[in-house]
All heavy atoms as atom14 arrays in JSON, in Angstrom:
{
  "sequence": "MSHPGSAPEPHTSAVAGRLNWLRAGVLGANDG",
  "atom14_mask": [
    [1, 1, 1, 1, 1, 1, 1, 1, 0, 0, 0, 0, 0, 0],
    [1, 1, 1, 1, 1, 1, 0, 0, 0, 0, 0, 0, 0, 0],
    [1, 1, 1, 1, 1, 1, 1, 1, 1, 1, 0, 0, 0, 0],
    [1, 1, 1, 1, 1, 1, 1, 0, 0, 0, 0, 0, 0, 0],
    [1, 1, 1, 1, 0, 0, 0, 0, 0, 0, 0, 0, 0, 0],
    [1, 1, 1, 1, 1, 1, 0, 0, 0, 0, 0, 0, 0, 0],
    [1, 1, 1, 1, 1, 0, 0, 0, 0, 0, 0, 0, 0, 0],
    [1, 1, 1, 1, 1, 1, 1, 0, 0, 0, 0, 0, 0, 0],
    [1, 1, 1, 1, 1, 1, 1, 1, 1, 0, 0, 0, 0, 0],
    [1, 1, 1, 1, 1, 1, 1, 0, 0, 0, 0, 0, 0, 0],
    [1, 1, 1, 1, 1, 1, 1, 1, 1, 1, 0, 0, 0, 0],
    [1, 1, 1, 1, 1, 1, 1, 0, 0, 0, 0, 0, 0, 0],
    [1, 1, 1, 1, 1, 1, 0, 0, 0, 0, 0, 0, 0, 0],
    [1, 1, 1, 1, 1, 0, 0, 0, 0, 0, 0, 0, 0, 0],
    [1, 1, 1, 1, 1, 1, 1, 0, 0, 0, 0, 0, 0, 0],
    [1, 1, 1, 1, 1, 0, 0, 0, 0, 0, 0, 0, 0, 0],
    [1, 1, 1, 1, 0, 0, 0, 0, 0, 0, 0, 0, 0, 0],
    [1, 1, 1, 1, 1, 1, 1, 1, 1, 1, 1, 0, 0, 0],
    [1, 1, 1, 1, 1, 1, 1, 1, 0, 0, 0, 0, 0, 0],
    [1, 1, 1, 1, 1, 1, 1, 1, 0, 0, 0, 0, 0, 0],
    [1, 1, 1, 1, 1, 1, 1, 1, 1, 1, 1, 1, 1, 1],
    [1, 1, 1, 1, 1, 1, 1, 1, 0, 0, 0, 0, 0, 0],
    [1, 1, 1, 1, 1, 1, 1, 1, 1, 1, 1, 0, 0, 0],
    [1, 1, 1, 1, 1, 0, 0, 0, 0, 0, 0, 0, 0, 0],
    [1, 1, 1, 1, 0, 0, 0, 0, 0, 0, 0, 0, 0, 0],
    [1, 1, 1, 1, 1, 1, 1, 0, 0, 0, 0, 0, 0, 0],
    [1, 1, 1, 1, 1, 1, 1, 1, 0, 0, 0, 0, 0, 0],
    [1, 1, 1, 1, 0, 0, 0, 0, 0, 0, 0, 0, 0, 0],
    [1, 1, 1, 1, 1, 0, 0, 0, 0, 0, 0, 0, 0, 0],
    [1, 1, 1, 1, 1, 1, 1, 1, 0, 0, 0, 0, 0, 0],
    [1, 1, 1, 1, 1, 1, 1, 1, 0, 0, 0, 0, 0, 0],
    [1, 1, 1, 1, 0, 0, 0, 0, 0, 0, 0, 0, 0, 0]
  ],
  "atom14_positions": [
    [[6.69, 0.06, 12.69], [7.69, -0.93, 13.06], [9.03, -0.22, 13.19], [9.49, 0.43, 12.25], [7.78, -2.02, 12.01], [6.47, -2.74, 11.78], [5.92, -3.66, 13.22], [7.15, -4.92, 13.28], [0.0, 0.0, 0.0], [0.0, 0.0, 0.0], [0.0, 0.0, 0.0], [0.0, 0.0, 0.0], [0.0, 0.0, 0.0], [0.0, 0.0, 0.0]],
    [[9.66, -0.32, 14.37], [10.93, 0.3, 14.6], [12.03, -0.65, 14.15], [12.18, -1.73, 14.69], [11.1, 0.63, 16.08], [10.11, 1.54, 16.49], [0.0, 0.0, 0.0], [0.0, 0.0, 0.0], [0.0, 0.0, 0.0], [0.0, 0.0, 0.0], [0.0, 0.0, 0.0], [0.0, 0.0, 0.0], [0.0, 0.0, 0.0], [0.0, 0.0, 0.0]],
    [[12.78, -0.26, 13.15], [13.87, -1.08, 12.64], [15.19, -0.48, 13.07], [15.4, 0.72, 12.94], [13.81, -1.16, 11.11], [12.54, -1.79, 10.62], [12.38, -3.13, 10.59], [11.4, -1.22, 10.15], [11.17, -3.4, 10.09], [10.56, -2.27, 9.84], [0.0, 0.0, 0.0], [0.0, 0.0, 0.0], [0.0, 0.0, 0.0], [0.0, 0.0, 0.0]],
    [[16.11, -1.28, 13.56], [17.39, -0.72, 13.99], [18.08, 0.0, 12.85], [18.19, -0.49, 11.76], [18.19, -2.01, 14.38], [17.15, -3.03, 14.68], [16.02, -2.72, 13.76], [0.0, 0.0, 0.0], [0.0, 0.0, 0.0], [0.0, 0.0, 0.0], [0.0, 0.0, 0.0], [0.0, 0.0, 0.0], [0.0, 0.0, 0.0], [0.0, 0.0, 0.0]],
    [[18.48, 1.25, 13.16], [19.23, 2.01, 12.17], [18.38, 2.63, 11.08], [18.92, 3.12, 10.09], [0.0, 0.0, 0.0], [0.0, 0.0, 0.0], [0.0, 0.0, 0.0], [0.0, 0.0, 0.0], [0.0, 0.0, 0.0], [0.0, 0.0, 0.0], [0.0, 0.0, 0.0], [0.0, 0.0, 0.0], [0.0, 0.0, 0.0], [0.0, 0.0, 0.0]],
    [[17.06, 2.58, 11.24], [16.24, 3.18, 10.19], [15.06, 3.92, 10.81], [14.76, 3.77, 11.99], [15.7, 2.07, 9.26], [14.84, 1.21, 9.96], [0.0, 0.0, 0.0], [0.0, 0.0, 0.0], [0.0, 0.0, 0.0], [0.0, 0.0, 0.0], [0.0, 0.0, 0.0], [0.0, 0.0, 0.0], [0.0, 0.0, 0.0], [0.0, 0.0, 0.0]],
    [[14.37, 4.7, 10.0], [13.23, 5.48, 10.49], [12.04, 4.58, 10.66], [11.95, 3.52, 10.06], [12.92, 6.6, 9.49], [0.0, 0.0, 0.0], [0.0, 0.0, 0.0], [0.0, 0.0, 0.0], [0.0, 0.0, 0.0], [0.0, 0.0, 0.0], [0.0, 0.0, 0.0], [0.0, 0.0, 0.0], [0.0, 0.0, 0.0], [0.0, 0.0, 0.0]],
    [[11.05, 4.98, 11.49], [9.85, 4.18, 11.65], [9.15, 4.0, 10.32], [9.12, 4.9, 9.48], [8.99, 5.05, 12.62], [9.97, 5.91, 13.34], [11.07, 6.18, 12.35], [0.0, 0.0, 0.0], [0.0, 0.0, 0.0], [0.0, 0.0, 0.0], [0.0, 0.0, 0.0], [0.0, 0.0, 0.0], [0.0, 0.0, 0.0], [0.0, 0.0, 0.0]],
    [[8.59, 2.82, 10.14], [7.95, 2.48, 8.87], [6.46, 2.29, 9.08], [6.03, 1.4, 9.78], [8.57, 1.19, 8.33], [7.96, 0.72, 7.02], [8.55, -0.58, 6.55], [9.64, -0.91, 7.01], [7.91, -1.24, 5.73], [0.0, 0.0, 0.0], [0.0, 0.0, 0.0], [0.0, 0.0, 0.0], [0.0, 0.0, 0.0], [0.0, 0.0, 0.0]],
    [[5.59, 3.15, 8.44], [4.14, 3.01, 8.61], [3.63, 1.76, 7.91], [4.13, 1.37, 6.87], [3.6, 4.28, 7.95], [4.62, 4.69, 6.97], [5.95, 4.23, 7.54], [0.0, 0.0, 0.0], [0.0, 0.0, 0.0], [0.0, 0.0, 0.0], [0.0, 0.0, 0.0], [0.0, 0.0, 0.0], [0.0, 0.0, 0.0], [0.0, 0.0, 0.0]],
    [[2.56, 1.15, 8.5], [2.06, -0.09, 7.91], [0.56, -0.12, 7.68], [0.11, -0.77, 6.77], [2.39, -1.27, 8.83], [3.84, -1.71, 8.67], [4.24, -2.61, 7.73], [4.94, -1.33, 9.35], [5.54, -2.8, 7.82], [5.99, -2.04, 8.78], [0.0, 0.0, 0.0], [0.0, 0.0, 0.0], [0.0, 0.0, 0.0], [0.0, 0.0, 0.0]],
    [[-0.25, 0.55, 8.5], [-1.69, 0.33, 8.39], [-2.36, 1.24, 7.38], [-2.76, 0.81, 6.3], [-2.35, 0.54, 9.76], [-1.91, 1.8, 10.3], [-1.96, -0.56, 10.7], [0.0, 0.0, 0.0], [0.0, 0.0, 0.0], [0.0, 0.0, 0.0], [0.0, 0.0, 0.0], [0.0, 0.0, 0.0], [0.0, 0.0, 0.0], [0.0, 0.0, 0.0]],
    [[-2.52, 2.52, 7.68], [-3.27, 3.41, 6.8], [-2.59, 3.58, 5.47], [-3.25, 3.64, 4.44], [-3.48, 4.77, 7.48], [-2.24, 5.3, 7.93], [0.0, 0.0, 0.0], [0.0, 0.0, 0.0], [0.0, 0.0, 0.0], [0.0, 0.0, 0.0], [0.0, 0.0, 0.0], [0.0, 0.0, 0.0], [0.0, 0.0, 0.0], [0.0, 0.0, 0.0]],
    [[-1.25, 3.63, 5.46], [-0.54, 3.77, 4.18], [-0.76, 2.54, 3.3], [-1.0, 2.67, 2.08], [0.94, 3.97, 4.44], [0.0, 0.0, 0.0], [0.0, 0.0, 0.0], [0.0, 0.0, 0.0], [0.0, 0.0, 0.0], [0.0, 0.0, 0.0], [0.0, 0.0, 0.0], [0.0, 0.0, 0.0], [0.0, 0.0, 0.0], [0.0, 0.0, 0.0]],
    [[-0.69, 1.36, 3.91], [-0.91, 0.14, 3.14], [-2.35, 0.06, 2.68], [-2.63, -0.37, 1.55], [-0.55, -1.08, 4.02], [-1.01, -2.35, 3.33], [0.94, -1.14, 4.26], [0.0, 0.0, 0.0], [0.0, 0.0, 0.0], [0.0, 0.0, 0.0], [0.0, 0.0, 0.0], [0.0, 0.0, 0.0], [0.0, 0.0, 0.0], [0.0, 0.0, 0.0]],
    [[-3.29, 0.47, 3.52], [-4.71, 0.44, 3.11], [-4.95, 1.31, 1.92], [-5.66, 0.92, 0.97], [-5.58, 0.89, 4.3], [0.0, 0.0, 0.0], [0.0, 0.0, 0.0], [0.0, 0.0, 0.0], [0.0, 0.0, 0.0], [0.0, 0.0, 0.0], [0.0, 0.0, 0.0], [0.0, 0.0, 0.0], [0.0, 0.0, 0.0], [0.0, 0.0, 0.0]],
    [[-4.38, 2.53, 1.91], [-4.54, 3.4, 0.77], [-3.9, 2.83, -0.48], [-4.44, 2.9, -1.59], [0.0, 0.0, 0.0], [0.0, 0.0, 0.0], [0.0, 0.0, 0.0], [0.0, 0.0, 0.0], [0.0, 0.0, 0.0], [0.0, 0.0, 0.0], [0.0, 0.0, 0.0], [0.0, 0.0, 0.0], [0.0, 0.0, 0.0], [0.0, 0.0, 0.0]],
    [[-2.74, 2.24, -0.32], [-2.04, 1.64, -1.45], [-2.83, 0.47, -2.02], [-2.94, 0.33, -3.25], [-0.66, 1.16, -0.98], [0.18, 0.49, -2.08], [1.48, 0.02, -1.47], [2.29, -0.7, -2.41], [3.43, -1.32, -2.1], [3.84, -1.29, -0.84], [4.11, -1.96, -3.0], [0.0, 0.0, 0.0], [0.0, 0.0, 0.0], [0.0, 0.0, 0.0]],
    [[-3.38, -0.36, -1.15], [-4.17, -1.48, -1.62], [-5.46, -1.03, -2.32], [-5.92, -1.68, -3.24], [-4.51, -2.41, -0.43], [-3.35, -3.18, 0.14], [-3.8, -4.0, 1.35], [-2.7, -4.07, -0.9], [0.0, 0.0, 0.0], [0.0, 0.0, 0.0], [0.0, 0.0, 0.0], [0.0, 0.0, 0.0], [0.0, 0.0, 0.0], [0.0, 0.0, 0.0]],
    [[-6.03, 0.08, -1.83], [-7.23, 0.61, -2.5], [-6.93, 1.02, -3.94], [-7.68, 0.7, -4.86], [-7.76, 1.8, -1.69], [-9.11, 2.3, -2.22], [-10.02, 1.51, -2.46], [-9.23, 3.59, -2.38], [0.0, 0.0, 0.0], [0.0, 0.0, 0.0], [0.0, 0.0, 0.0], [0.0, 0.0, 0.0], [0.0, 0.0, 0.0], [0.0, 0.0, 0.0]],
    [[-5.84, 1.73, -4.12], [-5.43, 2.11, -5.48], [-5.08, 0.89, -6.3], [-5.45, 0.82, -7.48], [-4.19, 3.01, -5.39], [-4.52, 4.44, -5.16], [-4.86, 5.06, -3.99], [-4.53, 5.47, -6.15], [-5.09, 6.39, -4.19], [-4.88, 6.68, -5.5], [-4.26, 5.51, -7.53], [-5.0, 7.9, -6.17], [-4.36, 6.73, -8.2], [-4.72, 7.89, -7.52]],
    [[-4.38, -0.05, -5.71], [-3.97, -1.27, -6.42], [-5.17, -2.05, -6.89], [-5.24, -2.5, -8.04], [-3.08, -2.13, -5.52], [-2.61, -3.46, -6.11], [-1.78, -3.23, -7.37], [-1.81, -4.25, -5.08], [0.0, 0.0, 0.0], [0.0, 0.0, 0.0], [0.0, 0.0, 0.0], [0.0, 0.0, 0.0], [0.0, 0.0, 0.0], [0.0, 0.0, 0.0]],
    [[-6.14, -2.21, -5.99], [-7.35, -2.95, -6.35], [-8.07, -2.3, -7.51], [-8.44, -2.96, -8.51], [-8.28, -3.03, -5.13], [-9.6, -3.75, -5.41], [-10.51, -3.61, -4.21], [-10.83, -2.23, -3.9], [-11.77, -1.54, -4.56], [-12.47, -2.06, -5.51], [-12.0, -0.27, -4.22], [0.0, 0.0, 0.0], [0.0, 0.0, 0.0], [0.0, 0.0, 0.0]],
    [[-8.31, -0.99, -7.44], [-9.0, -0.29, -8.49], [-8.23, -0.34, -9.8], [-8.81, -0.55, -10.88], [-9.25, 1.17, -8.08], [0.0, 0.0, 0.0], [0.0, 0.0, 0.0], [0.0, 0.0, 0.0], [0.0, 0.0, 0.0], [0.0, 0.0, 0.0], [0.0, 0.0, 0.0], [0.0, 0.0, 0.0], [0.0, 0.0, 0.0], [0.0, 0.0, 0.0]],
    [[-6.9, -0.17, -9.73], [-6.08, -0.16, -10.92], [-6.04, -1.52, -11.61], [-6.19, -1.62, -12.84], [0.0, 0.0, 0.0], [0.0, 0.0, 0.0], [0.0, 0.0, 0.0], [0.0, 0.0, 0.0], [0.0, 0.0, 0.0], [0.0, 0.0, 0.0], [0.0, 0.0, 0.0], [0.0, 0.0, 0.0], [0.0, 0.0, 0.0], [0.0, 0.0, 0.0]],
    [[-5.85, -2.57, -10.82], [-5.76, -3.91, -11.4], [-7.12, -4.34, -11.98], [-7.18, -4.88, -13.08], [-5.27, -4.94, -10.35], [-5.43, -6.36, -10.87], [-3.83, -4.66, -9.97], [0.0, 0.0, 0.0], [0.0, 0.0, 0.0], [0.0, 0.0, 0.0], [0.0, 0.0, 0.0], [0.0, 0.0, 0.0], [0.0, 0.0, 0.0], [0.0, 0.0, 0.0]],
    [[-8.18, -4.08, -11.24], [-9.49, -4.42, -11.75], [-9.81, -3.66, -13.03], [-10.35, -4.23, -13.99], [-10.57, -4.13, -10.69], [-10.68, -5.09, -9.52], [-11.7, -4.6, -8.52], [-11.04, -6.49, -9.99], [0.0, 0.0, 0.0], [0.0, 0.0, 0.0], [0.0, 0.0, 0.0], [0.0, 0.0, 0.0], [0.0, 0.0, 0.0], [0.0, 0.0, 0.0]],
    [[-9.47, -2.37, -13.06], [-9.73, -1.56, -14.25], [-8.95, -2.06, -15.44], [-9.5, -2.23, -16.56], [0.0, 0.0, 0.0], [0.0, 0.0, 0.0], [0.0, 0.0, 0.0], [0.0, 0.0, 0.0], [0.0, 0.0, 0.0], [0.0, 0.0, 0.0], [0.0, 0.0, 0.0], [0.0, 0.0, 0.0], [0.0, 0.0, 0.0], [0.0, 0.0, 0.0]],
    [[-7.65, -2.29, -15.26], [-6.81, -2.75, -16.38], [-7.27, -4.12, -16.87], [-7.38, -4.34, -18.08], [-5.35, -2.8, -15.94], [0.0, 0.0, 0.0], [0.0, 0.0, 0.0], [0.0, 0.0, 0.0], [0.0, 0.0, 0.0], [0.0, 0.0, 0.0], [0.0, 0.0, 0.0], [0.0, 0.0, 0.0], [0.0, 0.0, 0.0], [0.0, 0.0, 0.0]],
    [[-7.54, -5.03, -15.94], [-7.96, -6.36, -16.33], [-9.28, -6.31, -17.09], [-9.44, -6.95, -18.15], [-8.1, -7.22, -15.07], [-8.51, -8.65, -15.42], [-7.79, -9.35, -16.11], [-9.66, -9.06, -14.93], [0.0, 0.0, 0.0], [0.0, 0.0, 0.0], [0.0, 0.0, 0.0], [0.0, 0.0, 0.0], [0.0, 0.0, 0.0], [0.0, 0.0, 0.0]],
    [[-10.24, -5.55, -16.58], [-11.54, -5.43, -17.26], [-11.37, -4.78, -18.63], [-12.04, -5.2, -19.59], [-12.51, -4.6, -16.43], [-13.29, -5.47, -15.44], [-12.92, -6.63, -15.3], [-14.24, -4.95, -14.84], [0.0, 0.0, 0.0], [0.0, 0.0, 0.0], [0.0, 0.0, 0.0], [0.0, 0.0, 0.0], [0.0, 0.0, 0.0], [0.0, 0.0, 0.0]],
    [[-10.54, -3.75, -18.71], [-10.34, -3.09, -19.98], [-9.76, -4.02, -21.03], [-10.2, -4.03, -22.19], [0.0, 0.0, 0.0], [0.0, 0.0, 0.0], [0.0, 0.0, 0.0], [0.0, 0.0, 0.0], [0.0, 0.0, 0.0], [0.0, 0.0, 0.0], [0.0, 0.0, 0.0], [0.0, 0.0, 0.0], [0.0, 0.0, 0.0], [0.0, 0.0, 0.0]]
  ]
}
């Protein structure tokens, strides 16, 4: 996404990786 006055911001693969970590972390902590 091109934002005026800022650098391009990635959304797909970066978010997918972040969500993968978040899912594993939250599930692990909750189960623990």
